[in-house]
Amino acid sequence: VPYNGACGSGYSVVDHKDIDGIQTGEV
């Protein structure tokens, strides 16, 4: 899921983790 910039200007992504609900379909 793409980063949406909600942390504000000047913040850069340094890490991410994907979350998959294999049985429920949430991503």
mmCIF file of all heavy atoms, coordinates in Angstrom:
data_MODEL
# 
_entry.id   MODEL 
# 
loop_
_atom_site.group_PDB 
_atom_site.id 
_atom_site.type_symbol 
_atom_site.label_atom_id 
_atom_site.label_alt_id 
_atom_site.label_comp_id 
_atom_site.label_asym_id 
_atom_site.label_entity_id 
_atom_site.label_seq_id 
_atom_site.pdbx_PDB_ins_code 
_atom_site.Cartn_x 
_atom_site.Cartn_y 
_atom_site.Cartn_z 
_atom_site.occupancy 
_atom_site.B_iso_or_equiv 
_atom_site.pdbx_formal_charge 
_atom_site.auth_seq_id 
_atom_site.auth_comp_id 
_atom_site.auth_asym_id 
_atom_site.auth_atom_id 
_atom_site.pdbx_PDB_model_num 
ATOM 1   N N   . VAL A 1 1  ? 0.877   -1.171  0.000  1.00 0.00 ? 1  VAL A N   1 
ATOM 2   C CA  . VAL A 1 1  ? 0.000   0.000   0.000  1.00 0.00 ? 1  VAL A CA  1 
ATOM 3   C C   . VAL A 1 1  ? 0.913   1.219   0.000  1.00 0.00 ? 1  VAL A C   1 
ATOM 4   O O   . VAL A 1 1  ? 1.748   1.369   0.887  1.00 0.00 ? 1  VAL A O   1 
ATOM 5   C CB  . VAL A 1 1  ? -0.913  0.010   1.244  1.00 0.00 ? 1  VAL A CB  1 
ATOM 6   C CG1 . VAL A 1 1  ? -1.837  1.204   1.217  1.00 0.00 ? 1  VAL A CG1 1 
ATOM 7   C CG2 . VAL A 1 1  ? -1.709  -1.291  1.345  1.00 0.00 ? 1  VAL A CG2 1 
ATOM 8   N N   . PRO A 1 2  ? 0.809   2.109   -0.982 1.00 0.00 ? 2  PRO A N   1 
ATOM 9   C CA  . PRO A 1 2  ? 1.725   3.250   -1.080 1.00 0.00 ? 2  PRO A CA  1 
ATOM 10  C C   . PRO A 1 2  ? 1.628   4.189   0.115  1.00 0.00 ? 2  PRO A C   1 
ATOM 11  O O   . PRO A 1 2  ? 0.556   4.392   0.677  1.00 0.00 ? 2  PRO A O   1 
ATOM 12  C CB  . PRO A 1 2  ? 1.286   3.960   -2.353 1.00 0.00 ? 2  PRO A CB  1 
ATOM 13  C CG  . PRO A 1 2  ? 0.436   2.994   -3.091 1.00 0.00 ? 2  PRO A CG  1 
ATOM 14  C CD  . PRO A 1 2  ? -0.146  2.055   -2.084 1.00 0.00 ? 2  PRO A CD  1 
ATOM 15  N N   . TYR A 1 3  ? 2.764   4.775   0.468  1.00 0.00 ? 3  TYR A N   1 
ATOM 16  C CA  . TYR A 1 3  ? 2.817   5.779   1.526  1.00 0.00 ? 3  TYR A CA  1 
ATOM 17  C C   . TYR A 1 3  ? 2.026   7.004   1.077  1.00 0.00 ? 3  TYR A C   1 
ATOM 18  O O   . TYR A 1 3  ? 2.139   7.454   -0.061 1.00 0.00 ? 3  TYR A O   1 
ATOM 19  C CB  . TYR A 1 3  ? 4.271   6.148   1.831  1.00 0.00 ? 3  TYR A CB  1 
ATOM 20  C CG  . TYR A 1 3  ? 4.398   7.264   2.847  1.00 0.00 ? 3  TYR A CG  1 
ATOM 21  C CD1 . TYR A 1 3  ? 3.923   7.093   4.143  1.00 0.00 ? 3  TYR A CD1 1 
ATOM 22  C CD2 . TYR A 1 3  ? 4.962   8.477   2.508  1.00 0.00 ? 3  TYR A CD2 1 
ATOM 23  C CE1 . TYR A 1 3  ? 4.020   8.114   5.080  1.00 0.00 ? 3  TYR A CE1 1 
ATOM 24  C CE2 . TYR A 1 3  ? 5.070   9.495   3.431  1.00 0.00 ? 3  TYR A CE2 1 
ATOM 25  C CZ  . TYR A 1 3  ? 4.601   9.314   4.714  1.00 0.00 ? 3  TYR A CZ  1 
ATOM 26  O OH  . TYR A 1 3  ? 4.689   10.322  5.636  1.00 0.00 ? 3  TYR A OH  1 
ATOM 27  N N   . ASN A 1 4  ? 1.227   7.579   1.973  1.00 0.00 ? 4  ASN A N   1 
ATOM 28  C CA  . ASN A 1 4  ? 0.344   8.680   1.604  1.00 0.00 ? 4  ASN A CA  1 
ATOM 29  C C   . ASN A 1 4  ? 0.802   10.063  2.068  1.00 0.00 ? 4  ASN A C   1 
ATOM 30  O O   . ASN A 1 4  ? 0.089   11.036  1.888  1.00 0.00 ? 4  ASN A O   1 
ATOM 31  C CB  . ASN A 1 4  ? -1.072  8.418   2.128  1.00 0.00 ? 4  ASN A CB  1 
ATOM 32  C CG  . ASN A 1 4  ? -1.144  8.386   3.640  1.00 0.00 ? 4  ASN A CG  1 
ATOM 33  O OD1 . ASN A 1 4  ? -0.150  8.603   4.329  1.00 0.00 ? 4  ASN A OD1 1 
ATOM 34  N ND2 . ASN A 1 4  ? -2.324  8.103   4.168  1.00 0.00 ? 4  ASN A ND2 1 
ATOM 35  N N   . GLY A 1 5  ? 1.977   10.170  2.704  1.00 0.00 ? 5  GLY A N   1 
ATOM 36  C CA  . GLY A 1 5  ? 2.501   11.463  3.116  1.00 0.00 ? 5  GLY A CA  1 
ATOM 37  C C   . GLY A 1 5  ? 1.865   12.043  4.359  1.00 0.00 ? 5  GLY A C   1 
ATOM 38  O O   . GLY A 1 5  ? 2.106   13.198  4.702  1.00 0.00 ? 5  GLY A O   1 
ATOM 39  N N   . ALA A 1 6  ? 1.049   11.264  5.079  1.00 0.00 ? 6  ALA A N   1 
ATOM 40  C CA  . ALA A 1 6  ? 0.291   11.789  6.217  1.00 0.00 ? 6  ALA A CA  1 
ATOM 41  C C   . ALA A 1 6  ? 1.158   12.219  7.400  1.00 0.00 ? 6  ALA A C   1 
ATOM 42  O O   . ALA A 1 6  ? 0.687   12.962  8.253  1.00 0.00 ? 6  ALA A O   1 
ATOM 43  C CB  . ALA A 1 6  ? -0.746  10.768  6.685  1.00 0.00 ? 6  ALA A CB  1 
ATOM 44  N N   . CYS A 1 7  ? 2.411   11.783  7.476  1.00 0.00 ? 7  CYS A N   1 
ATOM 45  C CA  . CYS A 1 7  ? 3.270   12.225  8.582  1.00 0.00 ? 7  CYS A CA  1 
ATOM 46  C C   . CYS A 1 7  ? 3.653   13.688  8.436  1.00 0.00 ? 7  CYS A C   1 
ATOM 47  O O   . CYS A 1 7  ? 4.032   14.329  9.407  1.00 0.00 ? 7  CYS A O   1 
ATOM 48  C CB  . CYS A 1 7  ? 4.522   11.346  8.681  1.00 0.00 ? 7  CYS A CB  1 
ATOM 49  S SG  . CYS A 1 7  ? 4.165   9.707   9.370  1.00 0.00 ? 7  CYS A SG  1 
ATOM 50  N N   . GLY A 1 8  ? 3.549   14.234  7.247  1.00 0.00 ? 8  GLY A N   1 
ATOM 51  C CA  . GLY A 1 8  ? 3.824   15.648  7.033  1.00 0.00 ? 8  GLY A CA  1 
ATOM 52  C C   . GLY A 1 8  ? 5.024   15.884  6.143  1.00 0.00 ? 8  GLY A C   1 
ATOM 53  O O   . GLY A 1 8  ? 5.784   14.974  5.821  1.00 0.00 ? 8  GLY A O   1 
ATOM 54  N N   . SER A 1 9  ? 5.196   17.140  5.765  1.00 0.00 ? 9  SER A N   1 
ATOM 55  C CA  . SER A 1 9  ? 6.320   17.489  4.897  1.00 0.00 ? 9  SER A CA  1 
ATOM 56  C C   . SER A 1 9  ? 7.629   17.334  5.658  1.00 0.00 ? 9  SER A C   1 
ATOM 57  O O   . SER A 1 9  ? 7.688   17.553  6.864  1.00 0.00 ? 9  SER A O   1 
ATOM 58  C CB  . SER A 1 9  ? 6.169   18.913  4.361  1.00 0.00 ? 9  SER A CB  1 
ATOM 59  O OG  . SER A 1 9  ? 6.216   19.828  5.433  1.00 0.00 ? 9  SER A OG  1 
ATOM 60  N N   . GLY A 1 10 ? 8.639   16.920  4.960  1.00 0.00 ? 10 GLY A N   1 
ATOM 61  C CA  . GLY A 1 10 ? 9.956   16.728  5.557  1.00 0.00 ? 10 GLY A CA  1 
ATOM 62  C C   . GLY A 1 10 ? 10.194  15.328  6.084  1.00 0.00 ? 10 GLY A C   1 
ATOM 63  O O   . GLY A 1 10 ? 11.317  14.986  6.425  1.00 0.00 ? 10 GLY A O   1 
ATOM 64  N N   . TYR A 1 11 ? 9.159   14.503  6.161  1.00 0.00 ? 11 TYR A N   1 
ATOM 65  C CA  . TYR A 1 11 ? 9.321   13.123  6.615  1.00 0.00 ? 11 TYR A CA  1 
ATOM 66  C C   . TYR A 1 11 ? 9.581   12.223  5.423  1.00 0.00 ? 11 TYR A C   1 
ATOM 67  O O   . TYR A 1 11 ? 8.878   12.289  4.422  1.00 0.00 ? 11 TYR A O   1 
ATOM 68  C CB  . TYR A 1 11 ? 8.072   12.636  7.361  1.00 0.00 ? 11 TYR A CB  1 
ATOM 69  C CG  . TYR A 1 11 ? 8.015   13.121  8.782  1.00 0.00 ? 11 TYR A CG  1 
ATOM 70  C CD1 . TYR A 1 11 ? 7.481   14.364  9.083  1.00 0.00 ? 11 TYR A CD1 1 
ATOM 71  C CD2 . TYR A 1 11 ? 8.503   12.346  9.819  1.00 0.00 ? 11 TYR A CD2 1 
ATOM 72  C CE1 . TYR A 1 11 ? 7.432   14.828  10.392 1.00 0.00 ? 11 TYR A CE1 1 
ATOM 73  C CE2 . TYR A 1 11 ? 8.469   12.793  11.131 1.00 0.00 ? 11 TYR A CE2 1 
ATOM 74  C CZ  . TYR A 1 11 ? 7.928   14.037  11.404 1.00 0.00 ? 11 TYR A CZ  1 
ATOM 75  O OH  . TYR A 1 11 ? 7.891   14.477  12.699 1.00 0.00 ? 11 TYR A OH  1 
ATOM 76  N N   . SER A 1 12 ? 10.595  11.383  5.566  1.00 0.00 ? 12 SER A N   1 
ATOM 77  C CA  . SER A 1 12 ? 10.938  10.414  4.535  1.00 0.00 ? 12 SER A CA  1 
ATOM 78  C C   . SER A 1 12 ? 10.772  9.008   5.086  1.00 0.00 ? 12 SER A C   1 
ATOM 79  O O   . SER A 1 12 ? 11.064  8.751   6.253  1.00 0.00 ? 12 SER A O   1 
ATOM 80  C CB  . SER A 1 12 ? 12.393  10.581  4.090  1.00 0.00 ? 12 SER A CB  1 
ATOM 81  O OG  . SER A 1 12 ? 12.590  11.857  3.546  1.00 0.00 ? 12 SER A OG  1 
ATOM 82  N N   . VAL A 1 13 ? 10.331  8.095   4.237  1.00 0.00 ? 13 VAL A N   1 
ATOM 83  C CA  . VAL A 1 13 ? 10.166  6.705   4.644  1.00 0.00 ? 13 VAL A CA  1 
ATOM 84  C C   . VAL A 1 13 ? 11.539  6.074   4.851  1.00 0.00 ? 13 VAL A C   1 
ATOM 85  O O   . VAL A 1 13 ? 12.415  6.179   3.988  1.00 0.00 ? 13 VAL A O   1 
ATOM 86  C CB  . VAL A 1 13 ? 9.377   5.917   3.580  1.00 0.00 ? 13 VAL A CB  1 
ATOM 87  C CG1 . VAL A 1 13 ? 9.348   4.430   3.910  1.00 0.00 ? 13 VAL A CG1 1 
ATOM 88  C CG2 . VAL A 1 13 ? 7.964   6.466   3.451  1.00 0.00 ? 13 VAL A CG2 1 
ATOM 89  N N   . VAL A 1 14 ? 11.731  5.462   6.026  1.00 0.00 ? 14 VAL A N   1 
ATOM 90  C CA  . VAL A 1 14 ? 12.989  4.755   6.299  1.00 0.00 ? 14 VAL A CA  1 
ATOM 91  C C   . VAL A 1 14 ? 12.785  3.250   6.372  1.00 0.00 ? 14 VAL A C   1 
ATOM 92  O O   . VAL A 1 14 ? 13.735  2.488   6.231  1.00 0.00 ? 14 VAL A O   1 
ATOM 93  C CB  . VAL A 1 14 ? 13.688  5.250   7.584  1.00 0.00 ? 14 VAL A CB  1 
ATOM 94  C CG1 . VAL A 1 14 ? 14.157  6.675   7.417  1.00 0.00 ? 14 VAL A CG1 1 
ATOM 95  C CG2 . VAL A 1 14 ? 12.804  5.120   8.800  1.00 0.00 ? 14 VAL A CG2 1 
ATOM 96  N N   . ASP A 1 15 ? 11.542  2.795   6.584  1.00 0.00 ? 15 ASP A N   1 
ATOM 97  C CA  . ASP A 1 15 ? 11.264  1.359   6.625  1.00 0.00 ? 15 ASP A CA  1 
ATOM 98  C C   . ASP A 1 15 ? 9.764   1.141   6.485  1.00 0.00 ? 15 ASP A C   1 
ATOM 99  O O   . ASP A 1 15 ? 8.966   2.057   6.676  1.00 0.00 ? 15 ASP A O   1 
ATOM 100 C CB  . ASP A 1 15 ? 11.753  0.755   7.945  1.00 0.00 ? 15 ASP A CB  1 
ATOM 101 C CG  . ASP A 1 15 ? 12.025  -0.744  7.859  1.00 0.00 ? 15 ASP A CG  1 
ATOM 102 O OD1 . ASP A 1 15 ? 11.675  -1.363  6.824  1.00 0.00 ? 15 ASP A OD1 1 
ATOM 103 O OD2 . ASP A 1 15 ? 12.573  -1.301  8.815  1.00 0.00 ? 15 ASP A OD2 1 
ATOM 104 N N   . HIS A 1 16 ? 9.410   -0.072  6.136  1.00 0.00 ? 16 HIS A N   1 
ATOM 105 C CA  . HIS A 1 16 ? 8.005   -0.458  6.075  1.00 0.00 ? 16 HIS A CA  1 
ATOM 106 C C   . HIS A 1 16 ? 7.876   -1.956  6.270  1.00 0.00 ? 16 HIS A C   1 
ATOM 107 O O   . HIS A 1 16 ? 8.833   -2.699  6.069  1.00 0.00 ? 16 HIS A O   1 
ATOM 108 C CB  . HIS A 1 16 ? 7.369   -0.037  4.745  1.00 0.00 ? 16 HIS A CB  1 
ATOM 109 C CG  . HIS A 1 16 ? 7.757   -0.918  3.604  1.00 0.00 ? 16 HIS A CG  1 
ATOM 110 N ND1 . HIS A 1 16 ? 8.921   -0.752  2.906  1.00 0.00 ? 16 HIS A ND1 1 
ATOM 111 C CD2 . HIS A 1 16 ? 7.142   -1.995  3.063  1.00 0.00 ? 16 HIS A CD2 1 
ATOM 112 C CE1 . HIS A 1 16 ? 9.002   -1.673  1.961  1.00 0.00 ? 16 HIS A CE1 1 
ATOM 113 N NE2 . HIS A 1 16 ? 7.937   -2.443  2.041  1.00 0.00 ? 16 HIS A NE2 1 
ATOM 114 N N   . LYS A 1 17 ? 6.696   -2.365  6.693  1.00 0.00 ? 17 LYS A N   1 
ATOM 115 C CA  . LYS A 1 17 ? 6.359   -3.782  6.828  1.00 0.00 ? 17 LYS A CA  1 
ATOM 116 C C   . LYS A 1 17 ? 4.973   -3.968  6.240  1.00 0.00 ? 17 LYS A C   1 
ATOM 117 O O   . LYS A 1 17 ? 4.046   -3.237  6.567  1.00 0.00 ? 17 LYS A O   1 
ATOM 118 C CB  . LYS A 1 17 ? 6.336   -4.235  8.296  1.00 0.00 ? 17 LYS A CB  1 
ATOM 119 C CG  . LYS A 1 17 ? 7.624   -4.015  9.051  1.00 0.00 ? 17 LYS A CG  1 
ATOM 120 C CD  . LYS A 1 17 ? 8.688   -4.976  8.627  1.00 0.00 ? 17 LYS A CD  1 
ATOM 121 C CE  . LYS A 1 17 ? 9.948   -4.741  9.461  1.00 0.00 ? 17 LYS A CE  1 
ATOM 122 N NZ  . LYS A 1 17 ? 11.100  -5.412  8.959  1.00 0.00 ? 17 LYS A NZ  1 
ATOM 123 N N   . ASP A 1 18 ? 4.845   -4.963  5.374  1.00 0.00 ? 18 ASP A N   1 
ATOM 124 C CA  . ASP A 1 18 ? 3.536   -5.292  4.825  1.00 0.00 ? 18 ASP A CA  1 
ATOM 125 C C   . ASP A 1 18 ? 2.805   -6.210  5.788  1.00 0.00 ? 18 ASP A C   1 
ATOM 126 O O   . ASP A 1 18 ? 3.407   -7.062  6.443  1.00 0.00 ? 18 ASP A O   1 
ATOM 127 C CB  . ASP A 1 18 ? 3.681   -5.972  3.460  1.00 0.00 ? 18 ASP A CB  1 
ATOM 128 C CG  . ASP A 1 18 ? 4.179   -5.011  2.398  1.00 0.00 ? 18 ASP A CG  1 
ATOM 129 O OD1 . ASP A 1 18 ? 3.780   -3.839  2.424  1.00 0.00 ? 18 ASP A OD1 1 
ATOM 130 O OD2 . ASP A 1 18 ? 4.972   -5.437  1.538  1.00 0.00 ? 18 ASP A OD2 1 
ATOM 131 N N   . ILE A 1 19 ? 1.493   -6.039  5.875  1.00 0.00 ? 19 ILE A N   1 
ATOM 132 C CA  . ILE A 1 19 ? 0.646   -6.847  6.742  1.00 0.00 ? 19 ILE A CA  1 
ATOM 133 C C   . ILE A 1 19 ? -0.384  -7.528  5.850  1.00 0.00 ? 19 ILE A C   1 
ATOM 134 O O   . ILE A 1 19 ? -1.143  -6.858  5.148  1.00 0.00 ? 19 ILE A O   1 
ATOM 135 C CB  . ILE A 1 19 ? -0.082  -5.966  7.783  1.00 0.00 ? 19 ILE A CB  1 
ATOM 136 C CG1 . ILE A 1 19 ? 0.925   -5.132  8.589  1.00 0.00 ? 19 ILE A CG1 1 
ATOM 137 C CG2 . ILE A 1 19 ? -0.939  -6.830  8.695  1.00 0.00 ? 19 ILE A CG2 1 
ATOM 138 C CD1 . ILE A 1 19 ? 0.293   -4.029  9.402  1.00 0.00 ? 19 ILE A CD1 1 
ATOM 139 N N   . ASP A 1 20 ? -0.381  -8.855  5.854  1.00 0.00 ? 20 ASP A N   1 
ATOM 140 C CA  . ASP A 1 20 ? -1.314  -9.626  5.036  1.00 0.00 ? 20 ASP A CA  1 
ATOM 141 C C   . ASP A 1 20 ? -2.197  -10.480 5.917  1.00 0.00 ? 20 ASP A C   1 
ATOM 142 O O   . ASP A 1 20 ? -1.703  -11.327 6.657  1.00 0.00 ? 20 ASP A O   1 
ATOM 143 C CB  . ASP A 1 20 ? -0.564  -10.550 4.068  1.00 0.00 ? 20 ASP A CB  1 
ATOM 144 C CG  . ASP A 1 20 ? 0.180   -9.798  2.996  1.00 0.00 ? 20 ASP A CG  1 
ATOM 145 O OD1 . ASP A 1 20 ? -0.397  -8.854  2.453  1.00 0.00 ? 20 ASP A OD1 1 
ATOM 146 O OD2 . ASP A 1 20 ? 1.334   -10.161 2.706  1.00 0.00 ? 20 ASP A OD2 1 
ATOM 147 N N   . GLY A 1 21 ? -3.494  -10.260 5.823  1.00 0.00 ? 21 GLY A N   1 
ATOM 148 C CA  . GLY A 1 21 ? -4.456  -11.128 6.490  1.00 0.00 ? 21 GLY A CA  1 
ATOM 149 C C   . GLY A 1 21 ? -4.883  -12.196 5.503  1.00 0.00 ? 21 GLY A C   1 
ATOM 150 O O   . GLY A 1 21 ? -5.882  -12.039 4.808  1.00 0.00 ? 21 GLY A O   1 
ATOM 151 N N   . ILE A 1 22 ? -4.106  -13.246 5.387  1.00 0.00 ? 22 ILE A N   1 
ATOM 152 C CA  . ILE A 1 22 ? -4.321  -14.256 4.357  1.00 0.00 ? 22 ILE A CA  1 
ATOM 153 C C   . ILE A 1 22 ? -5.741  -14.819 4.430  1.00 0.00 ? 22 ILE A C   1 
ATOM 154 O O   . ILE A 1 22 ? -6.403  -14.982 3.413  1.00 0.00 ? 22 ILE A O   1 
ATOM 155 C CB  . ILE A 1 22 ? -3.268  -15.371 4.479  1.00 0.00 ? 22 ILE A CB  1 
ATOM 156 C CG1 . ILE A 1 22 ? -1.887  -14.794 4.157  1.00 0.00 ? 22 ILE A CG1 1 
ATOM 157 C CG2 . ILE A 1 22 ? -3.592  -16.536 3.562  1.00 0.00 ? 22 ILE A CG2 1 
ATOM 158 C CD1 . ILE A 1 22 ? -0.739  -15.711 4.418  1.00 0.00 ? 22 ILE A CD1 1 
ATOM 159 N N   . GLN A 1 23 ? -6.232  -15.098 5.616  1.00 0.00 ? 23 GLN A N   1 
ATOM 160 C CA  . GLN A 1 23 ? -7.564  -15.683 5.737  1.00 0.00 ? 23 GLN A CA  1 
ATOM 161 C C   . GLN A 1 23 ? -8.663  -14.638 5.611  1.00 0.00 ? 23 GLN A C   1 
ATOM 162 O O   . GLN A 1 23 ? -9.752  -14.926 5.131  1.00 0.00 ? 23 GLN A O   1 
ATOM 163 C CB  . GLN A 1 23 ? -7.697  -16.422 7.066  1.00 0.00 ? 23 GLN A CB  1 
ATOM 164 C CG  . GLN A 1 23 ? -6.779  -17.628 7.130  1.00 0.00 ? 23 GLN A CG  1 
ATOM 165 C CD  . GLN A 1 23 ? -6.816  -18.312 8.485  1.00 0.00 ? 23 GLN A CD  1 
ATOM 166 O OE1 . GLN A 1 23 ? -7.267  -17.741 9.462  1.00 0.00 ? 23 GLN A OE1 1 
ATOM 167 N NE2 . GLN A 1 23 ? -6.330  -19.542 8.530  1.00 0.00 ? 23 GLN A NE2 1 
ATOM 168 N N   . THR A 1 24 ? -8.401  -13.419 6.054  1.00 0.00 ? 24 THR A N   1 
ATOM 169 C CA  . THR A 1 24 ? -9.442  -12.392 6.048  1.00 0.00 ? 24 THR A CA  1 
ATOM 170 C C   . THR A 1 24 ? -9.360  -11.457 4.850  1.00 0.00 ? 24 THR A C   1 
ATOM 171 O O   . THR A 1 24 ? -10.308 -10.731 4.574  1.00 0.00 ? 24 THR A O   1 
ATOM 172 C CB  . THR A 1 24 ? -9.354  -11.556 7.336  1.00 0.00 ? 24 THR A CB  1 
ATOM 173 O OG1 . THR A 1 24 ? -8.047  -10.979 7.419  1.00 0.00 ? 24 THR A OG1 1 
ATOM 174 C CG2 . THR A 1 24 ? -9.629  -12.392 8.563  1.00 0.00 ? 24 THR A CG2 1 
ATOM 175 N N   . GLY A 1 25 ? -8.239  -11.421 4.163  1.00 0.00 ? 25 GLY A N   1 
ATOM 176 C CA  . GLY A 1 25 ? -8.096  -10.586 2.984  1.00 0.00 ? 25 GLY A CA  1 
ATOM 177 C C   . GLY A 1 25 ? -7.654  -9.161  3.241  1.00 0.00 ? 25 GLY A C   1 
ATOM 178 O O   . GLY A 1 25 ? -7.473  -8.389  2.313  1.00 0.00 ? 25 GLY A O   1 
ATOM 179 N N   . GLU A 1 26 ? -7.471  -8.770  4.508  1.00 0.00 ? 26 GLU A N   1 
ATOM 180 C CA  . GLU A 1 26 ? -7.006  -7.419  4.787  1.00 0.00 ? 26 GLU A CA  1 
ATOM 181 C C   . GLU A 1 26 ? -5.537  -7.284  4.392  1.00 0.00 ? 26 GLU A C   1 
ATOM 182 O O   . GLU A 1 26 ? -4.733  -8.171  4.650  1.00 0.00 ? 26 GLU A O   1 
ATOM 183 C CB  . GLU A 1 26 ? -7.152  -7.050  6.269  1.00 0.00 ? 26 GLU A CB  1 
ATOM 184 C CG  . GLU A 1 26 ? -8.563  -6.800  6.699  1.00 0.00 ? 26 GLU A CG  1 
ATOM 185 C CD  . GLU A 1 26 ? -9.219  -8.038  7.277  1.00 0.00 ? 26 GLU A CD  1 
ATOM 186 O OE1 . GLU A 1 26 ? -8.660  -9.137  7.138  1.00 0.00 ? 26 GLU A OE1 1 
ATOM 187 O OE2 . GLU A 1 26 ? -10.304 -7.893  7.849  1.00 0.00 ? 26 GLU A OE2 1 
ATOM 188 N N   . VAL A 1 27 ? -5.227  -6.197  3.771  1.00 0.00 ? 27 VAL A N   1 
ATOM 189 C CA  . VAL A 1 27 ? -3.858  -5.896  3.389  1.00 0.00 ? 27 VAL A CA  1 
ATOM 190 C C   . VAL A 1 27 ? -3.566  -4.465  3.825  1.00 0.00 ? 27 VAL A C   1 
ATOM 191 O O   . VAL A 1 27 ? -4.375  -3.571  3.597  1.00 0.00 ? 27 VAL A O   1 
ATOM 192 C CB  . VAL A 1 27 ? -3.636  -6.037  1.869  1.00 0.00 ? 27 VAL A CB  1 
ATOM 193 C CG1 . VAL A 1 27 ? -2.238  -5.615  1.481  1.00 0.00 ? 27 VAL A CG1 1 
ATOM 194 C CG2 . VAL A 1 27 ? -3.905  -7.458  1.416  1.00 0.00 ? 27 VAL A CG2 1 
# 
